[in-house]
């Protein structure tokens, strides 16, 4: 998965360095999250709008401890 959800250490990555996240992605992810959750499609849409890779948005969401849900592949 381009959001890193199927890596060995699934979704929340405790070793992320806050300085490694894109500041705009951190701000914008806060504006689109509902009830602590970000949809997979929403993450990809935000990445397109910000001209970032999907993993940059996933990193911002993980740093904020938001859960990504409604997988576009139907896996979760």
PDB file of N, CA and C in Angstrom:
ATOM      1  N   UNK A   1       0.847  -1.188   0.000  1.00  0.00           N
ATOM      2  CA  UNK A   1       0.000   0.000   0.000  1.00  0.00           C
ATOM      3  C   UNK A   1       0.886   1.243   0.000  1.00  0.00           C
ATOM      4  N   UNK A   2       0.515   2.236  -0.755  1.00  0.00           N
ATOM      5  CA  UNK A   2       1.305   3.467  -0.831  1.00  0.00           C
ATOM      6  C   UNK A   2       1.238   4.294   0.446  1.00  0.00           C
ATOM      7  N   UNK A   3       0.300   3.959   1.354  1.00  0.00           N
ATOM      8  CA  UNK A   3       0.213   4.668   2.635  1.00  0.00           C
ATOM      9  C   UNK A   3       0.990   3.948   3.723  1.00  0.00           C
ATOM     10  N   UNK A   4       1.611   2.846   3.389  1.00  0.00           N
ATOM     11  CA  UNK A   4       2.439   2.120   4.344  1.00  0.00           C
ATOM     12  C   UNK A   4       1.673   1.220   5.282  1.00  0.00           C
ATOM     13  N   UNK A   5       0.412   0.950   4.979  1.00  0.00           N
ATOM     14  CA  UNK A   5      -0.426   0.167   5.886  1.00  0.00           C
ATOM     15  C   UNK A   5      -0.119  -1.316   5.852  1.00  0.00           C
ATOM     16  N   UNK A   6       0.588  -1.794   4.847  1.00  0.00           N
ATOM     17  CA  UNK A   6       0.884  -3.216   4.762  1.00  0.00           C
ATOM     18  C   UNK A   6       2.355  -3.518   4.971  1.00  0.00           C
ATOM     19  N   UNK A   7       3.061  -2.607   5.606  1.00  0.00           N
ATOM     20  CA  UNK A   7       4.461  -2.877   5.909  1.00  0.00           C
ATOM     21  C   UNK A   7       4.524  -3.792   7.125  1.00  0.00           C
ATOM     22  N   UNK A   8       5.691  -4.256   7.455  1.00  0.00           N
ATOM     23  CA  UNK A   8       5.845  -5.184   8.578  1.00  0.00           C
ATOM     24  C   UNK A   8       5.322  -4.566   9.870  1.00  0.00           C
ATOM     25  N   UNK A   9       5.672  -3.309  10.127  1.00  0.00           N
ATOM     26  CA  UNK A   9       5.162  -2.594  11.303  1.00  0.00           C
ATOM     27  C   UNK A   9       3.973  -1.769  10.845  1.00  0.00           C
ATOM     28  N   UNK A  10       2.782  -2.302  10.988  1.00  0.00           N
ATOM     29  CA  UNK A  10       1.568  -1.741  10.397  1.00  0.00           C
ATOM     30  C   UNK A  10       1.198  -0.356  10.937  1.00  0.00           C
ATOM     31  N   UNK A  11       0.726   0.477  10.108  1.00  0.00           N
ATOM     32  CA  UNK A  11       0.212   1.827  10.248  1.00  0.00           C
ATOM     33  C   UNK A  11       0.917   2.765  11.213  1.00  0.00           C
ATOM     34  N   UNK A  12       0.672   2.692  12.509  1.00  0.00           N
ATOM     35  CA  UNK A  12       1.300   3.647  13.426  1.00  0.00           C
ATOM     36  C   UNK A  12       2.776   3.295  13.545  1.00  0.00           C
ATOM     37  N   UNK A  13       3.597   4.212  13.139  1.00  0.00           N
ATOM     38  CA  UNK A  13       5.043   4.007  13.208  1.00  0.00           C
ATOM     39  C   UNK A  13       5.584   4.856  14.349  1.00  0.00           C
ATOM     40  N   UNK A  14       5.973   4.224  15.429  1.00  0.00           N
ATOM     41  CA  UNK A  14       6.444   4.936  16.611  1.00  0.00           C
ATOM     42  C   UNK A  14       7.794   5.606  16.410  1.00  0.00           C
ATOM     43  N   UNK A  15       8.512   5.228  15.366  1.00  0.00           N
ATOM     44  CA  UNK A  15       9.839   5.782  15.161  1.00  0.00           C
ATOM     45  C   UNK A  15       9.851   6.996  14.230  1.00  0.00           C
ATOM     46  N   UNK A  16       8.697   7.562  13.914  1.00  0.00           N
ATOM     47  CA  UNK A  16       8.646   8.724  13.036  1.00  0.00           C
ATOM     48  C   UNK A  16       9.189   9.949  13.762  1.00  0.00           C
ATOM     49  N   UNK A  17       9.945  10.742  13.038  1.00  0.00           N
ATOM     50  CA  UNK A  17      10.509  11.970  13.585  1.00  0.00           C
ATOM     51  C   UNK A  17       9.605  13.118  13.144  1.00  0.00           C
ATOM     52  N   UNK A  18       9.039  13.871  14.097  1.00  0.00           N
ATOM     53  CA  UNK A  18       8.122  14.954  13.721  1.00  0.00           C
ATOM     54  C   UNK A  18       8.705  15.927  12.698  1.00  0.00           C
ATOM     55  N   UNK A  19       9.982  16.188  12.766  1.00  0.00           N
ATOM     56  CA  UNK A  19      10.610  17.118  11.825  1.00  0.00           C
ATOM     57  C   UNK A  19      10.620  16.572  10.402  1.00  0.00           C
ATOM     58  N   UNK A  20      10.408  15.258  10.258  1.00  0.00           N
ATOM     59  CA  UNK A  20      10.427  14.663   8.921  1.00  0.00           C
ATOM     60  C   UNK A  20       9.117  14.890   8.170  1.00  0.00           C
ATOM     61  N   UNK A  21       8.092  15.329   8.864  1.00  0.00           N
ATOM     62  CA  UNK A  21       6.777  15.525   8.237  1.00  0.00           C
ATOM     63  C   UNK A  21       6.698  16.889   7.562  1.00  0.00           C
ATOM     64  N   UNK A  22       5.967  16.934   6.487  1.00  0.00           N
ATOM     65  CA  UNK A  22       5.706  18.180   5.782  1.00  0.00           C
ATOM     66  C   UNK A  22       4.753  19.017   6.628  1.00  0.00           C
ATOM     67  N   UNK A  23       5.143  20.254   6.933  1.00  0.00           N
ATOM     68  CA  UNK A  23       4.327  21.117   7.819  1.00  0.00           C
ATOM     69  C   UNK A  23       2.929  21.374   7.247  1.00  0.00           C
ATOM     70  N   UNK A  24       2.844  21.616   5.964  1.00  0.00           N
ATOM     71  CA  UNK A  24       1.543  21.857   5.344  1.00  0.00           C
ATOM     72  C   UNK A  24       0.671  20.610   5.437  1.00  0.00           C
ATOM     73  N   UNK A  25       1.268  19.451   5.236  1.00  0.00           N
ATOM     74  CA  UNK A  25       0.510  18.196   5.354  1.00  0.00           C
ATOM     75  C   UNK A  25      -0.024  18.040   6.776  1.00  0.00           C
ATOM     76  N   UNK A  26       0.794  18.371   7.779  1.00  0.00           N
ATOM     77  CA  UNK A  26       0.335  18.284   9.167  1.00  0.00           C
ATOM     78  C   UNK A  26      -0.865  19.193   9.415  1.00  0.00           C
ATOM     79  N   UNK A  27      -0.802  20.407   8.897  1.00  0.00           N
ATOM     80  CA  UNK A  27      -1.905  21.358   9.072  1.00  0.00           C
ATOM     81  C   UNK A  27      -3.153  20.893   8.328  1.00  0.00           C
ATOM     82  N   UNK A  28      -2.972  20.500   7.087  1.00  0.00           N
ATOM     83  CA  UNK A  28      -4.120  20.136   6.257  1.00  0.00           C
ATOM     84  C   UNK A  28      -4.770  18.832   6.691  1.00  0.00           C
ATOM     85  N   UNK A  29      -3.980  17.885   7.186  1.00  0.00           N
ATOM     86  CA  UNK A  29      -4.571  16.618   7.617  1.00  0.00           C
ATOM     87  C   UNK A  29      -5.517  16.884   8.797  1.00  0.00           C
ATOM     88  N   UNK A  30      -5.178  17.847   9.642  1.00  0.00           N
ATOM     89  CA  UNK A  30      -6.065  18.208  10.747  1.00  0.00           C
ATOM     90  C   UNK A  30      -7.417  18.715  10.242  1.00  0.00           C
ATOM     91  N   UNK A  31      -7.399  19.399   9.099  1.00  0.00           N
ATOM     92  CA  UNK A  31      -8.637  20.002   8.592  1.00  0.00           C
ATOM     93  C   UNK A  31      -9.572  18.992   7.921  1.00  0.00           C
ATOM     94  N   UNK A  32      -9.043  17.844   7.502  1.00  0.00           N
ATOM     95  CA  UNK A  32      -9.897  16.870   6.801  1.00  0.00           C
ATOM     96  C   UNK A  32     -10.263  15.654   7.644  1.00  0.00           C
ATOM     97  N   UNK A  33      -9.645  15.519   8.794  1.00  0.00           N
ATOM     98  CA  UNK A  33      -9.919  14.369   9.660  1.00  0.00           C
ATOM     99  C   UNK A  33     -11.266  14.542  10.351  1.00  0.00           C
ATOM    100  N   UNK A  34     -12.024  13.435  10.410  1.00  0.00           N
ATOM    101  CA  UNK A  34     -13.311  13.448  11.108  1.00  0.00           C
ATOM    102  C   UNK A  34     -13.304  12.351  12.154  1.00  0.00           C
ATOM    103  N   UNK A  35     -13.550  12.715  13.395  1.00  0.00           N
ATOM    104  CA  UNK A  35     -13.584  11.758  14.507  1.00  0.00           C
ATOM    105  C   UNK A  35     -12.282  10.962  14.627  1.00  0.00           C
ATOM    106  N   UNK A  36     -11.161  11.615  14.380  1.00  0.00           N
ATOM    107  CA  UNK A  36      -9.870  10.953  14.505  1.00  0.00           C
ATOM    108  C   UNK A  36      -9.549   9.984  13.397  1.00  0.00           C
ATOM    109  N   UNK A  37     -10.311  10.039  12.299  1.00  0.00           N
ATOM    110  CA  UNK A  37     -10.108   9.105  11.193  1.00  0.00           C
ATOM    111  C   UNK A  37      -9.955   9.865   9.874  1.00  0.00           C
ATOM    112  N   UNK A  38      -9.133   9.301   9.008  1.00  0.00           N
ATOM    113  CA  UNK A  38      -8.905   9.842   7.680  1.00  0.00           C
ATOM    114  C   UNK A  38      -9.150   8.718   6.690  1.00  0.00           C
ATOM    115  N   UNK A  39      -9.998   8.940   5.721  1.00  0.00           N
ATOM    116  CA  UNK A  39     -10.235   7.881   4.741  1.00  0.00           C
ATOM    117  C   UNK A  39      -9.024   7.760   3.820  1.00  0.00           C
ATOM    118  N   UNK A  40      -8.842   6.586   3.294  1.00  0.00           N
ATOM    119  CA  UNK A  40      -7.772   6.326   2.338  1.00  0.00           C
ATOM    120  C   UNK A  40      -7.927   7.259   1.133  1.00  0.00           C
ATOM    121  N   UNK A  41      -9.130   7.363   0.612  1.00  0.00           N
ATOM    122  CA  UNK A  41      -9.378   8.241  -0.533  1.00  0.00           C
ATOM    123  C   UNK A  41      -9.088   9.695  -0.161  1.00  0.00           C
ATOM    124  N   UNK A  42      -9.432  10.083   1.055  1.00  0.00           N
ATOM    125  CA  UNK A  42      -9.155  11.439   1.527  1.00  0.00           C
ATOM    126  C   UNK A  42      -7.663  11.718   1.598  1.00  0.00           C
ATOM    127  N   UNK A  43      -6.898  10.721   2.017  1.00  0.00           N
ATOM    128  CA  UNK A  43      -5.437  10.864   2.079  1.00  0.00           C
ATOM    129  C   UNK A  43      -4.863  11.071   0.680  1.00  0.00           C
ATOM    130  N   UNK A  44      -5.331  10.287  -0.286  1.00  0.00           N
ATOM    131  CA  UNK A  44      -4.848  10.430  -1.658  1.00  0.00           C
ATOM    132  C   UNK A  44      -5.273  11.766  -2.253  1.00  0.00           C
ATOM    133  N   UNK A  45      -6.502  12.204  -1.963  1.00  0.00           N
ATOM    134  CA  UNK A  45      -6.981  13.495  -2.454  1.00  0.00           C
ATOM    135  C   UNK A  45      -6.134  14.625  -1.882  1.00  0.00           C
ATOM    136  N   UNK A  46      -5.864  14.562  -0.594  1.00  0.00           N
ATOM    137  CA  UNK A  46      -5.042  15.584   0.047  1.00  0.00           C
ATOM    138  C   UNK A  46      -3.630  15.598  -0.541  1.00  0.00           C
ATOM    139  N   UNK A  47      -3.070  14.439  -0.784  1.00  0.00           N
ATOM    140  CA  UNK A  47      -1.736  14.355  -1.383  1.00  0.00           C
ATOM    141  C   UNK A  47      -1.725  15.016  -2.765  1.00  0.00           C
ATOM    142  N   UNK A  48      -2.760  14.762  -3.558  1.00  0.00           N
ATOM    143  CA  UNK A  48      -2.849  15.391  -4.886  1.00  0.00           C
ATOM    144  C   UNK A  48      -2.953  16.907  -4.770  1.00  0.00           C
ATOM    145  N   UNK A  49      -3.806  17.380  -3.857  1.00  0.00           N
ATOM    146  CA  UNK A  49      -3.989  18.826  -3.689  1.00  0.00           C
ATOM    147  C   UNK A  49      -2.697  19.516  -3.243  1.00  0.00           C
ATOM    148  N   UNK A  50      -1.944  18.851  -2.375  1.00  0.00           N
ATOM    149  CA  UNK A  50      -0.715  19.439  -1.851  1.00  0.00           C
ATOM    150  C   UNK A  50       0.506  19.149  -2.715  1.00  0.00           C
ATOM    151  N   UNK A  51       0.286  18.335  -3.776  1.00  0.00           N
ATOM    152  CA  UNK A  51       1.382  17.913  -4.663  1.00  0.00           C
ATOM    153  C   UNK A  51       2.478  17.199  -3.867  1.00  0.00           C
ATOM    154  N   UNK A  52       2.036  16.281  -3.009  1.00  0.00           N
ATOM    155  CA  UNK A  52       2.925  15.455  -2.196  1.00  0.00           C
ATOM    156  C   UNK A  52       2.652  13.994  -2.504  1.00  0.00           C
ATOM    157  N   UNK A  53       3.555  13.143  -2.117  1.00  0.00           N
ATOM    158  CA  UNK A  53       3.310  11.716  -2.228  1.00  0.00           C
ATOM    159  C   UNK A  53       2.333  11.274  -1.136  1.00  0.00           C
ATOM    160  N   UNK A  54       1.577  10.210  -1.375  1.00  0.00           N
ATOM    161  CA  UNK A  54       0.627   9.724  -0.381  1.00  0.00           C
ATOM    162  C   UNK A  54       1.286   9.391   0.964  1.00  0.00           C
ATOM    163  N   UNK A  55       2.528   8.934   0.923  1.00  0.00           N
ATOM    164  CA  UNK A  55       3.207   8.577   2.164  1.00  0.00           C
ATOM    165  C   UNK A  55       3.462   9.805   3.041  1.00  0.00           C
ATOM    166  N   UNK A  56       3.626  10.996   2.443  1.00  0.00           N
ATOM    167  CA  UNK A  56       3.804  12.221   3.222  1.00  0.00           C
ATOM    168  C   UNK A  56       2.543  12.524   4.036  1.00  0.00           C
ATOM    169  N   UNK A  57       1.392  12.300   3.430  1.00  0.00           N
ATOM    170  CA  UNK A  57       0.126  12.506   4.138  1.00  0.00           C
ATOM    171  C   UNK A  57      -0.056  11.431   5.206  1.00  0.00           C
ATOM    172  N   UNK A  58       0.301  10.194   4.878  1.00  0.00           N
ATOM    173  CA  UNK A  58       0.207   9.107   5.856  1.00  0.00           C
ATOM    174  C   UNK A  58       1.118   9.367   7.049  1.00  0.00           C
ATOM    175  N   UNK A  59       2.306   9.893   6.801  1.00  0.00           N
ATOM    176  CA  UNK A  59       3.227  10.224   7.884  1.00  0.00           C
ATOM    177  C   UNK A  59       2.633  11.295   8.784  1.00  0.00           C
ATOM    178  N   UNK A  60       2.045  12.326   8.179  1.00  0.00           N
ATOM    179  CA  UNK A  60       1.407  13.385   8.961  1.00  0.00           C
ATOM    180  C   UNK A  60       0.261  12.817   9.797  1.00  0.00           C
ATOM    181  N   UNK A  61      -0.550  11.958   9.204  1.00  0.00           N
ATOM    182  CA  UNK A  61      -1.666  11.346   9.938  1.00  0.00           C
ATOM    183  C   UNK A  61      -1.147  10.479  11.088  1.00  0.00           C
ATOM    184  N   UNK A  62      -0.104   9.710  10.831  1.00  0.00           N
ATOM    185  CA  UNK A  62       0.461   8.855  11.877  1.00  0.00           C
ATOM    186  C   UNK A  62       1.043   9.673  13.023  1.00  0.00           C
ATOM    187  N   UNK A  63       1.696  10.776  12.699  1.00  0.00           N
ATOM    188  CA  UNK A  63       2.245  11.628  13.759  1.00  0.00           C
ATOM    189  C   UNK A  63       1.150  12.225  14.627  1.00  0.00           C
ATOM    190  N   UNK A  64       0.001  12.476  14.018  1.00  0.00           N
ATOM    191  CA  UNK A  64      -1.147  13.015  14.763  1.00  0.00           C
ATOM    192  C   UNK A  64      -1.968  11.900  15.424  1.00  0.00           C
ATOM    193  N   UNK A  65      -1.572  10.642  15.181  1.00  0.00           N
ATOM    194  CA  UNK A  65      -2.261   9.461  15.726  1.00  0.00           C
ATOM    195  C   UNK A  65      -3.662   9.292  15.162  1.00  0.00           C
ATOM    196  N   UNK A  66      -3.855   9.736  13.901  1.00  0.00           N
ATOM    197  CA  UNK A  66      -5.120   9.521  13.217  1.00  0.00           C
ATOM    198  C   UNK A  66      -5.086   8.154  12.554  1.00  0.00           C
ATOM    199  N   UNK A  67      -6.217   7.480  12.543  1.00  0.00           N
ATOM    200  CA  UNK A  67      -6.343   6.190  11.882  1.00  0.00           C
ATOM    201  C   UNK A  67      -6.805   6.404  10.446  1.00  0.00           C
ATOM    202  N   UNK A  68      -6.181   5.700   9.518  1.00  0.00           N
ATOM    203  CA  UNK A  68      -6.615   5.723   8.123  1.00  0.00           C
ATOM    204  C   UNK A  68      -7.562   4.546   7.942  1.00  0.00           C
ATOM    205  N   UNK A  69      -8.738   4.807   7.377  1.00  0.00           N
ATOM    206  CA  UNK A  69      -9.744   3.745   7.224  1.00  0.00           C
ATOM    207  C   UNK A  69     -10.412   3.834   5.864  1.00  0.00           C
ATOM    208  N   UNK A  70     -11.325   2.926   5.620  1.00  0.00           N
ATOM    209  CA  UNK A  70     -12.015   2.780   4.331  1.00  0.00           C
ATOM    210  C   UNK A  70     -11.019   2.609   3.190  1.00  0.00           C
ATOM    211  N   UNK A  71     -10.218   1.579   3.329  1.00  0.00           N
ATOM    212  CA  UNK A  71      -9.190   1.233   2.336  1.00  0.00           C
ATOM    213  C   UNK A  71      -9.804   1.155   0.943  1.00  0.00           C
ATOM    214  N   UNK A  72      -9.156   1.764  -0.028  1.00  0.00           N
ATOM    215  CA  UNK A  72      -9.632   1.711  -1.405  1.00  0.00           C
ATOM    216  C   UNK A  72      -9.488   0.321  -2.008  1.00  0.00           C
ATOM    217  N   UNK A  73      -8.653  -0.522  -1.397  1.00  0.00           N
ATOM    218  CA  UNK A  73      -8.490  -1.888  -1.863  1.00  0.00           C
ATOM    219  C   UNK A  73      -9.470  -2.839  -1.188  1.00  0.00           C
ATOM    220  N   UNK A  74     -10.208  -2.329  -0.196  1.00  0.00           N
ATOM    221  CA  UNK A  74     -11.180  -3.148   0.520  1.00  0.00           C
ATOM    222  C   UNK A  74     -10.572  -4.024   1.610  1.00  0.00           C
ATOM    223  N   UNK A  75      -9.358  -3.711   2.030  1.00  0.00           N
ATOM    224  CA  UNK A  75      -8.674  -4.547   3.020  1.00  0.00           C
ATOM    225  C   UNK A  75      -9.004  -4.185   4.465  1.00  0.00           C
ATOM    226  N   UNK A  76      -9.409  -2.934   4.713  1.00  0.00           N
ATOM    227  CA  UNK A  76      -9.808  -2.521   6.069  1.00  0.00           C
ATOM    228  C   UNK A  76     -10.766  -1.360   6.008  1.00  0.00           C
TER     229      UNK A  76
END
